Amino acid sequence: MGSSAIVQWIEMTEQQEMFTHLGYPIYLLKFLAILKIAGVVVVLTPGLLILKEWAYAGFLFVVTGAFFSHIMMSDTFSDIFPSIFLMTLTLISYFTRPDSRKIIINQKNEVIT
């Protein structure tokens, strides 16, 4: 997410062309970059457990949105693959993070941090 945020922040020509192709306004690049950078900071910062859940949800919304957009435009697999790859990395990161970075709910529905 961090590397894609940088690419979007500097508005590389390829990113601008892809956004135009998908029908999105170019200004959305900076907006997504800011949100991704904020999400990366939250995910890497100890504590902030509820914000981590939101950051991961946001990451998943972004990559599934990209995946869906490419599918709807009948793009090639090489255009769709980055969203699949980022979706996979996001899910791996979410499910393999240490317990100290998870909200754990016990059998009595009590939150354990």
N, C-alpha and C. Protein backbone atom coordinates (compact mmCIF):
# COMPACT_ATOMS: atom_id res chain seq x y z
N MET A 1 0.82 -1.19 0.00
CA MET A 1 0.00 0.00 0.00
C MET A 1 0.86 1.25 0.00
N GLY A 2 1.97 1.18 0.72
CA GLY A 2 2.86 2.34 0.77
C GLY A 2 3.43 2.68 -0.59
N SER A 3 3.87 1.66 -1.31
CA SER A 3 4.46 1.93 -2.63
C SER A 3 3.42 2.42 -3.62
N SER A 4 2.22 1.86 -3.56
CA SER A 4 1.17 2.34 -4.47
C SER A 4 0.74 3.75 -4.11
N ALA A 5 0.81 4.10 -2.82
CA ALA A 5 0.48 5.47 -2.40
C ALA A 5 1.49 6.46 -2.97
N ILE A 6 2.75 6.08 -2.97
CA ILE A 6 3.79 6.97 -3.53
C ILE A 6 3.57 7.18 -5.02
N VAL A 7 3.30 6.10 -5.72
CA VAL A 7 3.05 6.19 -7.17
C VAL A 7 1.84 7.07 -7.45
N GLN A 8 0.82 6.95 -6.63
CA GLN A 8 -0.37 7.79 -6.83
C GLN A 8 -0.11 9.24 -6.43
N TRP A 9 0.69 9.45 -5.39
CA TRP A 9 0.97 10.81 -4.94
C TRP A 9 1.72 11.61 -6.02
N ILE A 10 2.69 10.96 -6.66
CA ILE A 10 3.47 11.67 -7.68
C ILE A 10 2.75 11.68 -9.04
N GLU A 11 1.60 11.06 -9.08
CA GLU A 11 0.75 11.04 -10.27
C GLU A 11 1.52 10.63 -11.53
N MET A 12 2.10 9.43 -11.44
CA MET A 12 2.82 8.90 -12.60
C MET A 12 1.88 8.83 -13.80
N THR A 13 2.46 9.01 -14.98
CA THR A 13 1.68 9.02 -16.22
C THR A 13 0.84 7.76 -16.35
N GLU A 14 1.42 6.60 -16.02
CA GLU A 14 0.69 5.34 -16.13
C GLU A 14 -0.54 5.34 -15.23
N GLN A 15 -0.40 5.88 -14.02
CA GLN A 15 -1.53 5.94 -13.10
C GLN A 15 -2.62 6.87 -13.63
N GLN A 16 -2.20 8.01 -14.17
CA GLN A 16 -3.17 8.95 -14.73
C GLN A 16 -3.92 8.32 -15.91
N GLU A 17 -3.18 7.62 -16.76
CA GLU A 17 -3.82 6.97 -17.91
C GLU A 17 -4.80 5.89 -17.46
N MET A 18 -4.42 5.12 -16.45
CA MET A 18 -5.29 4.05 -15.96
C MET A 18 -6.54 4.64 -15.32
N PHE A 19 -6.37 5.69 -14.52
CA PHE A 19 -7.54 6.32 -13.88
C PHE A 19 -8.48 6.89 -14.93
N THR A 20 -7.92 7.51 -15.96
CA THR A 20 -8.74 8.06 -17.04
C THR A 20 -9.47 6.93 -17.75
N HIS A 21 -8.76 5.85 -18.02
CA HIS A 21 -9.35 4.67 -18.67
C HIS A 21 -10.52 4.12 -17.86
N LEU A 22 -10.36 4.10 -16.52
CA LEU A 22 -11.41 3.56 -15.65
C LEU A 22 -12.54 4.56 -15.40
N GLY A 23 -12.35 5.79 -15.85
CA GLY A 23 -13.40 6.80 -15.71
C GLY A 23 -13.36 7.58 -14.42
N TYR A 24 -12.23 7.53 -13.71
CA TYR A 24 -12.10 8.26 -12.45
C TYR A 24 -11.37 9.57 -12.66
N PRO A 25 -11.68 10.60 -11.86
CA PRO A 25 -10.97 11.87 -11.98
C PRO A 25 -9.55 11.76 -11.42
N ILE A 26 -8.63 12.50 -12.01
CA ILE A 26 -7.22 12.44 -11.61
C ILE A 26 -7.03 12.88 -10.16
N TYR A 27 -7.83 13.82 -9.68
CA TYR A 27 -7.65 14.30 -8.31
C TYR A 27 -7.83 13.18 -7.28
N LEU A 28 -8.49 12.11 -7.66
CA LEU A 28 -8.68 10.98 -6.77
C LEU A 28 -7.35 10.30 -6.42
N LEU A 29 -6.34 10.44 -7.28
CA LEU A 29 -5.02 9.85 -7.01
C LEU A 29 -4.45 10.36 -5.70
N LYS A 30 -4.44 11.66 -5.52
CA LYS A 30 -3.88 12.24 -4.28
C LYS A 30 -4.71 11.83 -3.06
N PHE A 31 -6.02 11.83 -3.22
CA PHE A 31 -6.90 11.44 -2.12
C PHE A 31 -6.61 10.00 -1.67
N LEU A 32 -6.53 9.09 -2.62
CA LEU A 32 -6.22 7.69 -2.29
C LEU A 32 -4.83 7.56 -1.68
N ALA A 33 -3.88 8.33 -2.19
CA ALA A 33 -2.52 8.28 -1.65
C ALA A 33 -2.50 8.70 -0.18
N ILE A 34 -3.22 9.76 0.15
CA ILE A 34 -3.28 10.24 1.54
C ILE A 34 -3.91 9.18 2.43
N LEU A 35 -5.01 8.59 1.98
CA LEU A 35 -5.68 7.57 2.79
C LEU A 35 -4.80 6.33 2.96
N LYS A 36 -4.11 5.92 1.91
CA LYS A 36 -3.23 4.75 2.01
C LYS A 36 -2.07 5.01 2.96
N ILE A 37 -1.46 6.19 2.88
CA ILE A 37 -0.35 6.51 3.78
C ILE A 37 -0.84 6.53 5.22
N ALA A 38 -2.00 7.13 5.46
CA ALA A 38 -2.57 7.13 6.81
C ALA A 38 -2.83 5.71 7.29
N GLY A 39 -3.34 4.86 6.41
CA GLY A 39 -3.60 3.47 6.76
C GLY A 39 -2.33 2.71 7.09
N VAL A 40 -1.28 2.94 6.32
CA VAL A 40 0.00 2.28 6.58
C VAL A 40 0.55 2.71 7.93
N VAL A 41 0.47 4.00 8.24
CA VAL A 41 0.94 4.50 9.53
C VAL A 41 0.16 3.84 10.66
N VAL A 42 -1.15 3.74 10.53
CA VAL A 42 -1.98 3.12 11.56
C VAL A 42 -1.63 1.65 11.72
N VAL A 43 -1.48 0.94 10.62
CA VAL A 43 -1.18 -0.50 10.69
C VAL A 43 0.17 -0.74 11.35
N LEU A 44 1.13 0.13 11.13
CA LEU A 44 2.48 -0.07 11.67
C LEU A 44 2.66 0.49 13.08
N THR A 45 1.73 1.28 13.56
CA THR A 45 1.82 1.88 14.90
C THR A 45 1.26 0.91 15.94
N PRO A 46 2.02 0.68 17.02
CA PRO A 46 1.48 -0.18 18.09
C PRO A 46 0.21 0.44 18.68
N GLY A 47 -0.69 -0.42 19.15
CA GLY A 47 -1.96 0.05 19.69
C GLY A 47 -2.92 0.37 18.56
N LEU A 48 -3.79 1.31 18.78
CA LEU A 48 -4.74 1.77 17.76
C LEU A 48 -5.53 0.61 17.14
N LEU A 49 -5.95 -0.33 17.96
CA LEU A 49 -6.52 -1.57 17.44
C LEU A 49 -7.77 -1.36 16.59
N ILE A 50 -8.66 -0.48 17.04
CA ILE A 50 -9.88 -0.25 16.26
C ILE A 50 -9.53 0.44 14.94
N LEU A 51 -8.61 1.39 14.98
CA LEU A 51 -8.19 2.06 13.75
C LEU A 51 -7.54 1.08 12.77
N LYS A 52 -6.82 0.09 13.31
CA LYS A 52 -6.21 -0.93 12.44
C LYS A 52 -7.29 -1.69 11.66
N GLU A 53 -8.37 -2.03 12.35
CA GLU A 53 -9.46 -2.73 11.67
C GLU A 53 -10.01 -1.88 10.53
N TRP A 54 -10.18 -0.58 10.78
CA TRP A 54 -10.68 0.33 9.76
C TRP A 54 -9.67 0.49 8.62
N ALA A 55 -8.39 0.54 8.97
CA ALA A 55 -7.37 0.68 7.93
C ALA A 55 -7.38 -0.54 7.00
N TYR A 56 -7.42 -1.72 7.58
CA TYR A 56 -7.49 -2.93 6.76
C TYR A 56 -8.76 -2.96 5.92
N ALA A 57 -9.87 -2.55 6.49
CA ALA A 57 -11.12 -2.50 5.73
C ALA A 57 -10.98 -1.53 4.57
N GLY A 58 -10.39 -0.38 4.82
CA GLY A 58 -10.17 0.60 3.76
C GLY A 58 -9.29 0.06 2.66
N PHE A 59 -8.21 -0.63 3.05
CA PHE A 59 -7.33 -1.24 2.05
C PHE A 59 -8.12 -2.23 1.19
N LEU A 60 -8.93 -3.03 1.85
CA LEU A 60 -9.70 -4.03 1.11
C LEU A 60 -10.73 -3.38 0.19
N PHE A 61 -11.35 -2.30 0.64
CA PHE A 61 -12.30 -1.58 -0.22
C PHE A 61 -11.59 -1.05 -1.46
N VAL A 62 -10.40 -0.50 -1.27
CA VAL A 62 -9.66 0.09 -2.41
C VAL A 62 -9.29 -0.99 -3.43
N VAL A 63 -8.73 -2.10 -2.95
CA VAL A 63 -8.28 -3.12 -3.91
C VAL A 63 -9.44 -3.87 -4.55
N THR A 64 -10.52 -4.10 -3.81
CA THR A 64 -11.66 -4.75 -4.45
C THR A 64 -12.34 -3.79 -5.43
N GLY A 65 -12.33 -2.50 -5.11
CA GLY A 65 -12.85 -1.51 -6.04
C GLY A 65 -12.04 -1.47 -7.32
N ALA A 66 -10.73 -1.54 -7.18
CA ALA A 66 -9.86 -1.56 -8.37
C ALA A 66 -10.11 -2.83 -9.18
N PHE A 67 -10.20 -3.96 -8.49
CA PHE A 67 -10.46 -5.24 -9.17
C PHE A 67 -11.77 -5.16 -9.95
N PHE A 68 -12.82 -4.72 -9.29
CA PHE A 68 -14.13 -4.63 -9.92
C PHE A 68 -14.10 -3.67 -11.11
N SER A 69 -13.43 -2.53 -10.95
CA SER A 69 -13.35 -1.54 -12.03
C SER A 69 -12.68 -2.14 -13.26
N HIS A 70 -11.59 -2.86 -13.06
CA HIS A 70 -10.89 -3.49 -14.19
C HIS A 70 -11.75 -4.56 -14.85
N ILE A 71 -12.44 -5.34 -14.03
CA ILE A 71 -13.33 -6.37 -14.59
C ILE A 71 -14.41 -5.72 -15.44
N MET A 72 -15.02 -4.65 -14.92
CA MET A 72 -16.11 -4.00 -15.64
C MET A 72 -15.64 -3.37 -16.95
N MET A 73 -14.36 -3.01 -17.02
CA MET A 73 -13.82 -2.42 -18.25
C MET A 73 -13.26 -3.50 -19.18
N SER A 74 -13.44 -4.76 -18.83
CA SER A 74 -12.92 -5.89 -19.62
C SER A 74 -11.42 -5.78 -19.86
N ASP A 75 -10.70 -5.34 -18.83
CA ASP A 75 -9.25 -5.20 -18.94
C ASP A 75 -8.57 -6.57 -18.98
N THR A 76 -7.33 -6.55 -19.42
CA THR A 76 -6.54 -7.78 -19.50
C THR A 76 -6.12 -8.22 -18.10
N PHE A 77 -5.67 -9.46 -18.02
CA PHE A 77 -5.22 -9.99 -16.73
C PHE A 77 -4.05 -9.18 -16.19
N SER A 78 -3.18 -8.70 -17.08
CA SER A 78 -2.03 -7.91 -16.61
C SER A 78 -2.47 -6.60 -15.97
N ASP A 79 -3.63 -6.08 -16.34
CA ASP A 79 -4.16 -4.89 -15.69
C ASP A 79 -4.88 -5.23 -14.39
N ILE A 80 -5.47 -6.41 -14.34
CA ILE A 80 -6.23 -6.84 -13.17
C ILE A 80 -5.31 -7.39 -12.07
N PHE A 81 -4.20 -7.99 -12.47
CA PHE A 81 -3.33 -8.68 -11.52
C PHE A 81 -2.86 -7.83 -10.35
N PRO A 82 -2.44 -6.57 -10.54
CA PRO A 82 -1.99 -5.80 -9.37
C PRO A 82 -3.04 -5.70 -8.26
N SER A 83 -4.30 -5.57 -8.62
CA SER A 83 -5.33 -5.50 -7.58
C SER A 83 -5.48 -6.85 -6.87
N ILE A 84 -5.36 -7.93 -7.62
CA ILE A 84 -5.43 -9.27 -7.00
C ILE A 84 -4.23 -9.47 -6.07
N PHE A 85 -3.06 -9.04 -6.51
CA PHE A 85 -1.84 -9.17 -5.72
C PHE A 85 -1.95 -8.35 -4.43
N LEU A 86 -2.40 -7.10 -4.52
CA LEU A 86 -2.55 -6.26 -3.33
C LEU A 86 -3.63 -6.80 -2.41
N MET A 87 -4.70 -7.36 -2.98
CA MET A 87 -5.75 -7.96 -2.17
C MET A 87 -5.19 -9.14 -1.38
N THR A 88 -4.39 -9.95 -2.03
CA THR A 88 -3.77 -11.11 -1.39
C THR A 88 -2.83 -10.67 -0.27
N LEU A 89 -1.97 -9.68 -0.55
CA LEU A 89 -1.05 -9.19 0.49
C LEU A 89 -1.79 -8.59 1.67
N THR A 90 -2.87 -7.86 1.39
CA THR A 90 -3.66 -7.26 2.46
C THR A 90 -4.27 -8.34 3.35
N LEU A 91 -4.84 -9.37 2.73
CA LEU A 91 -5.44 -10.45 3.51
C LEU A 91 -4.39 -11.24 4.30
N ILE A 92 -3.24 -11.49 3.70
CA ILE A 92 -2.16 -12.18 4.42
C ILE A 92 -1.72 -11.35 5.61
N SER A 93 -1.53 -10.05 5.40
CA SER A 93 -1.12 -9.17 6.49
C SER A 93 -2.16 -9.15 7.60
N TYR A 94 -3.42 -9.08 7.23
CA TYR A 94 -4.49 -9.02 8.22
C TYR A 94 -4.55 -10.30 9.06
N PHE A 95 -4.51 -11.44 8.41
CA PHE A 95 -4.70 -12.69 9.13
C PHE A 95 -3.44 -13.21 9.83
N THR A 96 -2.28 -12.70 9.49
CA THR A 96 -1.04 -13.18 10.12
C THR A 96 -0.43 -12.17 11.08
N ARG A 97 -1.11 -11.05 11.32
CA ARG A 97 -0.53 -10.07 12.24
C ARG A 97 -0.51 -10.65 13.65
N PRO A 98 0.43 -10.16 14.48
CA PRO A 98 0.53 -10.71 15.84
C PRO A 98 -0.70 -10.37 16.69
N ASP A 99 -0.93 -11.18 17.71
CA ASP A 99 -2.09 -10.98 18.58
C ASP A 99 -2.09 -9.60 19.23
N SER A 100 -0.90 -9.02 19.43
CA SER A 100 -0.82 -7.70 20.05
C SER A 100 -1.40 -6.61 19.15
N ARG A 101 -1.65 -6.93 17.90
CA ARG A 101 -2.21 -5.96 16.96
C ARG A 101 -3.63 -6.35 16.54
N LYS A 102 -4.27 -7.21 17.32
CA LYS A 102 -5.62 -7.67 17.00
C LYS A 102 -6.57 -7.33 18.13
N ILE A 103 -7.82 -7.15 17.80
CA ILE A 103 -8.88 -7.08 18.80
C ILE A 103 -9.36 -8.51 19.00
N ILE A 104 -9.29 -8.98 20.22
CA ILE A 104 -9.69 -10.35 20.51
C ILE A 104 -10.94 -10.29 21.39
N ILE A 105 -11.96 -11.04 21.01
CA ILE A 105 -13.22 -11.08 21.77
C ILE A 105 -13.35 -12.49 22.33
N ASN A 106 -13.54 -12.57 23.65
CA ASN A 106 -13.65 -13.88 24.27
C ASN A 106 -15.09 -14.41 24.16
N GLN A 107 -15.33 -15.56 24.77
CA GLN A 107 -16.64 -16.21 24.65
C GLN A 107 -17.78 -15.41 25.30
N LYS A 108 -17.43 -14.50 26.20
CA LYS A 108 -18.44 -13.66 26.86
C LYS A 108 -18.64 -12.34 26.11
N ASN A 109 -18.14 -12.28 24.88
CA ASN A 109 -18.20 -11.06 24.06
C ASN A 109 -17.51 -9.87 24.71
N GLU A 110 -16.46 -10.14 25.48
CA GLU A 110 -15.65 -9.09 26.08
C GLU A 110 -14.43 -8.88 25.20
N VAL A 111 -14.08 -7.62 24.99
CA VAL A 111 -12.90 -7.30 24.19
C VAL A 111 -11.67 -7.43 25.05
N ILE A 112 -10.70 -8.18 24.54
CA ILE A 112 -9.43 -8.36 25.21
C ILE A 112 -8.36 -7.66 24.37
N THR A 113 -7.65 -6.73 24.96
CA THR A 113 -6.60 -6.03 24.21
C THR A 113 -5.24 -6.36 24.75
